Structures are given as C-alpha cells and as structure tokens.
Amino acid sequence: MIVCICRNISDKEITLRVQDGAQFDDLQIDLGIATCCGCCEECARDVVTRATPATPPTACTSQN
C-alpha cells in the first residue's frame, strides 16, 4: 500500500528500512516521508511501530 502519495513511498519500503535499523527521523531525511503535505505522518508512524522489532527479553540470572 502507498503510505506517502507525495513521494510514492509504500509500507513495504518503510518496513524494509525499519528492519535495517532506520527510525522515523531517518525515513524523513532519506525518503522525505511526511515532509511535503504531512497527511501520511500518522500512517507512516504506525507502519514504523509495527515494523520495529520487539526487544527480546533479557535473560534472568540469579546471583546466589
């Protein structure tokens, strides 16, 4: 799905960038997302949130 119609940026492109470590600010700089009319910002942020890998739980270590 196209998220940013001004820049023709899809959710797949955003997801790939986020999986490579990009954050929303990086996408604004690199792709120009949400920098033209701004209508896509909420949707783009939602895609970034969904694409951001969950932080794995830390292992518990007991100290005896």
PDB file of N, CA and C in Angstrom:
ATOM      1  N   MET A   1       0.849  -1.169   0.000  1.00  0.00           N
ATOM      2  CA  MET A   1       0.000   0.000   0.000  1.00  0.00           C
ATOM      3  C   MET A   1       0.898   1.236   0.000  1.00  0.00           C
ATOM      4  N   ILE A   2       0.482   2.250  -0.722  1.00  0.00           N
ATOM      5  CA  ILE A   2       1.215   3.507  -0.734  1.00  0.00           C
ATOM      6  C   ILE A   2       0.855   4.292   0.526  1.00  0.00           C
ATOM      7  N   VAL A   3       1.850   4.663   1.287  1.00  0.00           N
ATOM      8  CA  VAL A   3       1.651   5.432   2.517  1.00  0.00           C
ATOM      9  C   VAL A   3       1.761   6.921   2.224  1.00  0.00           C
ATOM     10  N   CYS A   4       2.796   7.296   1.493  1.00  0.00           N
ATOM     11  CA  CYS A   4       3.034   8.706   1.165  1.00  0.00           C
ATOM     12  C   CYS A   4       2.804   8.903  -0.330  1.00  0.00           C
ATOM     13  N   ILE A   5       1.699   9.550  -0.674  1.00  0.00           N
ATOM     14  CA  ILE A   5       1.402   9.753  -2.087  1.00  0.00           C
ATOM     15  C   ILE A   5       2.265  10.856  -2.699  1.00  0.00           C
ATOM     16  N   CYS A   6       2.728  11.779  -1.891  1.00  0.00           N
ATOM     17  CA  CYS A   6       3.583  12.855  -2.405  1.00  0.00           C
ATOM     18  C   CYS A   6       4.917  12.305  -2.901  1.00  0.00           C
ATOM     19  N   ARG A   7       5.450  11.316  -2.192  1.00  0.00           N
ATOM     20  CA  ARG A   7       6.771  10.750  -2.503  1.00  0.00           C
ATOM     21  C   ARG A   7       6.682   9.320  -3.052  1.00  0.00           C
ATOM     22  N   ASN A   8       5.438   8.794  -3.167  1.00  0.00           N
ATOM     23  CA  ASN A   8       5.210   7.439  -3.684  1.00  0.00           C
ATOM     24  C   ASN A   8       5.992   6.391  -2.886  1.00  0.00           C
ATOM     25  N   ILE A   9       5.805   6.413  -1.569  1.00  0.00           N
ATOM     26  CA  ILE A   9       6.517   5.503  -0.668  1.00  0.00           C
ATOM     27  C   ILE A   9       5.516   4.503  -0.096  1.00  0.00           C
ATOM     28  N   SER A  10       5.874   3.236  -0.206  1.00  0.00           N
ATOM     29  CA  SER A  10       4.974   2.173   0.237  1.00  0.00           C
ATOM     30  C   SER A  10       5.299   1.712   1.658  1.00  0.00           C
ATOM     31  N   ASP A  11       4.341   1.007   2.229  1.00  0.00           N
ATOM     32  CA  ASP A  11       4.558   0.410   3.546  1.00  0.00           C
ATOM     33  C   ASP A  11       5.675  -0.623   3.494  1.00  0.00           C
ATOM     34  N   LYS A  12       5.824  -1.305   2.364  1.00  0.00           N
ATOM     35  CA  LYS A  12       6.895  -2.302   2.227  1.00  0.00           C
ATOM     36  C   LYS A  12       8.263  -1.646   2.281  1.00  0.00           C
ATOM     37  N   GLU A  13       8.395  -0.497   1.633  1.00  0.00           N
ATOM     38  CA  GLU A  13       9.676   0.203   1.654  1.00  0.00           C
ATOM     39  C   GLU A  13      10.001   0.691   3.067  1.00  0.00           C
ATOM     40  N   ILE A  14       9.003   1.216   3.750  1.00  0.00           N
ATOM     41  CA  ILE A  14       9.200   1.664   5.134  1.00  0.00           C
ATOM     42  C   ILE A  14       9.601   0.481   6.003  1.00  0.00           C
ATOM     43  N   THR A  15       8.894  -0.638   5.863  1.00  0.00           N
ATOM     44  CA  THR A  15       9.174  -1.824   6.666  1.00  0.00           C
ATOM     45  C   THR A  15      10.599  -2.325   6.444  1.00  0.00           C
ATOM     46  N   LEU A  16      11.024  -2.389   5.196  1.00  0.00           N
ATOM     47  CA  LEU A  16      12.385  -2.838   4.899  1.00  0.00           C
ATOM     48  C   LEU A  16      13.425  -1.923   5.533  1.00  0.00           C
ATOM     49  N   ARG A  17      13.194  -0.623   5.453  1.00  0.00           N
ATOM     50  CA  ARG A  17      14.141   0.329   6.041  1.00  0.00           C
ATOM     51  C   ARG A  17      14.199   0.191   7.555  1.00  0.00           C
ATOM     52  N   VAL A  18      13.044   0.014   8.183  1.00  0.00           N
ATOM     53  CA  VAL A  18      12.996  -0.133   9.637  1.00  0.00           C
ATOM     54  C   VAL A  18      13.678  -1.432  10.057  1.00  0.00           C
ATOM     55  N   GLN A  19      13.470  -2.490   9.306  1.00  0.00           N
ATOM     56  CA  GLN A  19      14.123  -3.764   9.619  1.00  0.00           C
ATOM     57  C   GLN A  19      15.642  -3.658   9.477  1.00  0.00           C
ATOM     58  N   ASP A  20      16.093  -2.703   8.665  1.00  0.00           N
ATOM     59  CA  ASP A  20      17.527  -2.449   8.522  1.00  0.00           C
ATOM     60  C   ASP A  20      18.050  -1.462   9.567  1.00  0.00           C
ATOM     61  N   GLY A  21      17.164  -1.028  10.485  1.00  0.00           N
ATOM     62  CA  GLY A  21      17.599  -0.184  11.590  1.00  0.00           C
ATOM     63  C   GLY A  21      17.175   1.271  11.520  1.00  0.00           C
ATOM     64  N   ALA A  22      16.449   1.663  10.485  1.00  0.00           N
ATOM     65  CA  ALA A  22      16.029   3.063  10.366  1.00  0.00           C
ATOM     66  C   ALA A  22      14.928   3.393  11.371  1.00  0.00           C
ATOM     67  N   GLN A  23      14.925   4.634  11.803  1.00  0.00           N
ATOM     68  CA  GLN A  23      13.862   5.160  12.654  1.00  0.00           C
ATOM     69  C   GLN A  23      13.093   6.192  11.847  1.00  0.00           C
ATOM     70  N   PHE A  24      12.001   6.699  12.397  1.00  0.00           N
ATOM     71  CA  PHE A  24      11.151   7.629  11.647  1.00  0.00           C
ATOM     72  C   PHE A  24      11.937   8.838  11.139  1.00  0.00           C
ATOM     73  N   ASP A  25      12.783   9.409  11.979  1.00  0.00           N
ATOM     74  CA  ASP A  25      13.578  10.569  11.562  1.00  0.00           C
ATOM     75  C   ASP A  25      14.474  10.240  10.371  1.00  0.00           C
ATOM     76  N   ASP A  26      15.023   9.020  10.355  1.00  0.00           N
ATOM     77  CA  ASP A  26      15.850   8.589   9.230  1.00  0.00           C
ATOM     78  C   ASP A  26      15.030   8.545   7.946  1.00  0.00           C
ATOM     79  N   LEU A  27      13.799   8.058   8.053  1.00  0.00           N
ATOM     80  CA  LEU A  27      12.933   7.974   6.881  1.00  0.00           C
ATOM     81  C   LEU A  27      12.595   9.361   6.351  1.00  0.00           C
ATOM     82  N   GLN A  28      12.419  10.309   7.246  1.00  0.00           N
ATOM     83  CA  GLN A  28      12.152  11.676   6.803  1.00  0.00           C
ATOM     84  C   GLN A  28      13.343  12.239   6.036  1.00  0.00           C
ATOM     85  N   ILE A  29      14.528  11.994   6.530  1.00  0.00           N
ATOM     86  CA  ILE A  29      15.732  12.506   5.879  1.00  0.00           C
ATOM     87  C   ILE A  29      16.008  11.762   4.574  1.00  0.00           C
ATOM     88  N   ASP A  30      15.976  10.438   4.624  1.00  0.00           N
ATOM     89  CA  ASP A  30      16.359   9.626   3.468  1.00  0.00           C
ATOM     90  C   ASP A  30      15.295   9.575   2.376  1.00  0.00           C
ATOM     91  N   LEU A  31      14.022   9.477   2.775  1.00  0.00           N
ATOM     92  CA  LEU A  31      12.944   9.297   1.806  1.00  0.00           C
ATOM     93  C   LEU A  31      12.064  10.525   1.639  1.00  0.00           C
ATOM     94  N   GLY A  32      12.130  11.436   2.595  1.00  0.00           N
ATOM     95  CA  GLY A  32      11.278  12.616   2.543  1.00  0.00           C
ATOM     96  C   GLY A  32       9.850  12.355   2.983  1.00  0.00           C
ATOM     97  N   ILE A  33       9.647  11.245   3.679  1.00  0.00           N
ATOM     98  CA  ILE A  33       8.295  10.904   4.111  1.00  0.00           C
ATOM     99  C   ILE A  33       7.788  11.910   5.140  1.00  0.00           C
ATOM    100  N   ALA A  34       6.532  12.293   4.998  1.00  0.00           N
ATOM    101  CA  ALA A  34       5.865  13.244   5.904  1.00  0.00           C
ATOM    102  C   ALA A  34       6.552  14.601   5.932  1.00  0.00           C
ATOM    103  N   THR A  35       7.178  14.987   4.836  1.00  0.00           N
ATOM    104  CA  THR A  35       7.827  16.300   4.780  1.00  0.00           C
ATOM    105  C   THR A  35       7.178  17.224   3.762  1.00  0.00           C
ATOM    106  N   CYS A  36       6.215  16.717   3.017  1.00  0.00           N
ATOM    107  CA  CYS A  36       5.568  17.547   1.992  1.00  0.00           C
ATOM    108  C   CYS A  36       4.240  18.077   2.560  1.00  0.00           C
ATOM    109  N   CYS A  37       3.168  17.316   2.408  1.00  0.00           N
ATOM    110  CA  CYS A  37       1.874  17.787   2.917  1.00  0.00           C
ATOM    111  C   CYS A  37       1.633  17.340   4.360  1.00  0.00           C
ATOM    112  N   GLY A  38       2.309  16.255   4.776  1.00  0.00           N
ATOM    113  CA  GLY A  38       2.186  15.774   6.155  1.00  0.00           C
ATOM    114  C   GLY A  38       1.002  14.866   6.423  1.00  0.00           C
ATOM    115  N   CYS A  39       0.170  14.618   5.419  1.00  0.00           N
ATOM    116  CA  CYS A  39      -1.019  13.785   5.628  1.00  0.00           C
ATOM    117  C   CYS A  39      -0.681  12.336   5.965  1.00  0.00           C
ATOM    118  N   CYS A  40       0.499  11.885   5.588  1.00  0.00           N
ATOM    119  CA  CYS A  40       0.859  10.478   5.792  1.00  0.00           C
ATOM    120  C   CYS A  40       1.552  10.217   7.124  1.00  0.00           C
ATOM    121  N   GLU A  41       1.836  11.254   7.888  1.00  0.00           N
ATOM    122  CA  GLU A  41       2.673  11.069   9.074  1.00  0.00           C
ATOM    123  C   GLU A  41       2.113  10.040  10.041  1.00  0.00           C
ATOM    124  N   GLU A  42       0.848  10.111  10.356  1.00  0.00           N
ATOM    125  CA  GLU A  42       0.272   9.169  11.325  1.00  0.00           C
ATOM    126  C   GLU A  42       0.359   7.735  10.812  1.00  0.00           C
ATOM    127  N   CYS A  43       0.010   7.520   9.560  1.00  0.00           N
ATOM    128  CA  CYS A  43       0.078   6.183   8.979  1.00  0.00           C
ATOM    129  C   CYS A  43       1.524   5.698   8.914  1.00  0.00           C
ATOM    130  N   ALA A  44       2.435   6.571   8.505  1.00  0.00           N
ATOM    131  CA  ALA A  44       3.858   6.197   8.416  1.00  0.00           C
ATOM    132  C   ALA A  44       4.398   5.813   9.785  1.00  0.00           C
ATOM    133  N   ARG A  45       4.031   6.569  10.809  1.00  0.00           N
ATOM    134  CA  ARG A  45       4.482   6.240  12.161  1.00  0.00           C
ATOM    135  C   ARG A  45       3.915   4.895  12.617  1.00  0.00           C
ATOM    136  N   ASP A  46       2.670   4.600  12.239  1.00  0.00           N
ATOM    137  CA  ASP A  46       2.071   3.303  12.570  1.00  0.00           C
ATOM    138  C   ASP A  46       2.840   2.167  11.900  1.00  0.00           C
ATOM    139  N   VAL A  47       3.203   2.355  10.633  1.00  0.00           N
ATOM    140  CA  VAL A  47       3.966   1.329   9.920  1.00  0.00           C
ATOM    141  C   VAL A  47       5.322   1.128  10.587  1.00  0.00           C
ATOM    142  N   VAL A  48       5.964   2.220  10.974  1.00  0.00           N
ATOM    143  CA  VAL A  48       7.261   2.131  11.661  1.00  0.00           C
ATOM    144  C   VAL A  48       7.112   1.365  12.965  1.00  0.00           C
ATOM    145  N   THR A  49       6.088   1.663  13.725  1.00  0.00           N
ATOM    146  CA  THR A  49       5.858   0.978  15.002  1.00  0.00           C
ATOM    147  C   THR A  49       5.651  -0.517  14.794  1.00  0.00           C
ATOM    148  N   ARG A  50       4.825  -0.880  13.818  1.00  0.00           N
ATOM    149  CA  ARG A  50       4.567  -2.299  13.552  1.00  0.00           C
ATOM    150  C   ARG A  50       5.811  -3.020  13.038  1.00  0.00           C
ATOM    151  N   ALA A  51       6.658  -2.307  12.302  1.00  0.00           N
ATOM    152  CA  ALA A  51       7.839  -2.930  11.702  1.00  0.00           C
ATOM    153  C   ALA A  51       9.033  -2.989  12.650  1.00  0.00           C
ATOM    154  N   THR A  52       8.977  -2.218  13.726  1.00  0.00           N
ATOM    155  CA  THR A  52      10.087  -2.191  14.674  1.00  0.00           C
ATOM    156  C   THR A  52      10.136  -3.510  15.435  1.00  0.00           C
ATOM    157  N   PRO A  53      11.282  -4.196  15.377  1.00  0.00           N
ATOM    158  CA  PRO A  53      11.381  -5.477  16.085  1.00  0.00           C
ATOM    159  C   PRO A  53      11.213  -5.281  17.591  1.00  0.00           C
ATOM    160  N   ALA A  54      10.524  -6.218  18.179  1.00  0.00           N
ATOM    161  CA  ALA A  54      10.351  -6.169  19.636  1.00  0.00           C
ATOM    162  C   ALA A  54      11.697  -6.441  20.291  1.00  0.00           C
ATOM    163  N   THR A  55      11.925  -5.786  21.383  1.00  0.00           N
ATOM    164  CA  THR A  55      13.157  -6.019  22.129  1.00  0.00           C
ATOM    165  C   THR A  55      13.052  -7.382  22.800  1.00  0.00           C
ATOM    166  N   PRO A  56      14.016  -8.258  22.543  1.00  0.00           N
ATOM    167  CA  PRO A  56      13.939  -9.582  23.168  1.00  0.00           C
ATOM    168  C   PRO A  56      14.082  -9.467  24.676  1.00  0.00           C
ATOM    169  N   PRO A  57      13.392 -10.317  25.411  1.00  0.00           N
ATOM    170  CA  PRO A  57      13.516 -10.266  26.869  1.00  0.00           C
ATOM    171  C   PRO A  57      14.934 -10.626  27.283  1.00  0.00           C
ATOM    172  N   THR A  58      15.390  -9.963  28.321  1.00  0.00           N
ATOM    173  CA  THR A  58      16.727 -10.267  28.829  1.00  0.00           C
ATOM    174  C   THR A  58      16.669 -11.504  29.682  1.00  0.00           C
ATOM    175  N   ALA A  59      17.718 -12.252  29.646  1.00  0.00           N
ATOM    176  CA  ALA A  59      17.781 -13.475  30.431  1.00  0.00           C
ATOM    177  C   ALA A  59      17.934 -13.121  31.907  1.00  0.00           C
ATOM    178  N   CYS A  60      17.218 -13.824  32.716  1.00  0.00           N
ATOM    179  CA  CYS A  60      17.324 -13.628  34.152  1.00  0.00           C
ATOM    180  C   CYS A  60      18.505 -14.429  34.671  1.00  0.00           C
ATOM    181  N   THR A  61      19.287 -13.789  35.439  1.00  0.00           N
ATOM    182  CA  THR A  61      20.399 -14.501  36.066  1.00  0.00           C
ATOM    183  C   THR A  61      20.270 -14.367  37.560  1.00  0.00           C
ATOM    184  N   SER A  62      20.335 -15.476  38.202  1.00  0.00           N
ATOM    185  CA  SER A  62      20.243 -15.423  39.667  1.00  0.00           C
ATOM    186  C   SER A  62      21.640 -15.375  40.236  1.00  0.00           C
ATOM    187  N   GLN A  63      21.776 -14.574  41.234  1.00  0.00           N
ATOM    188  CA  GLN A  63      23.070 -14.467  41.917  1.00  0.00           C
ATOM    189  C   GLN A  63      22.909 -15.058  43.293  1.00  0.00           C
ATOM    190  N   ASN A  64      23.571 -16.167  43.512  1.00  0.00           N
ATOM    191  CA  ASN A  64      23.457 -16.851  44.815  1.00  0.00           C
ATOM    192  C   ASN A  64      24.656 -16.607  45.656  1.00  0.00           C
TER     193      ASN A  64
END
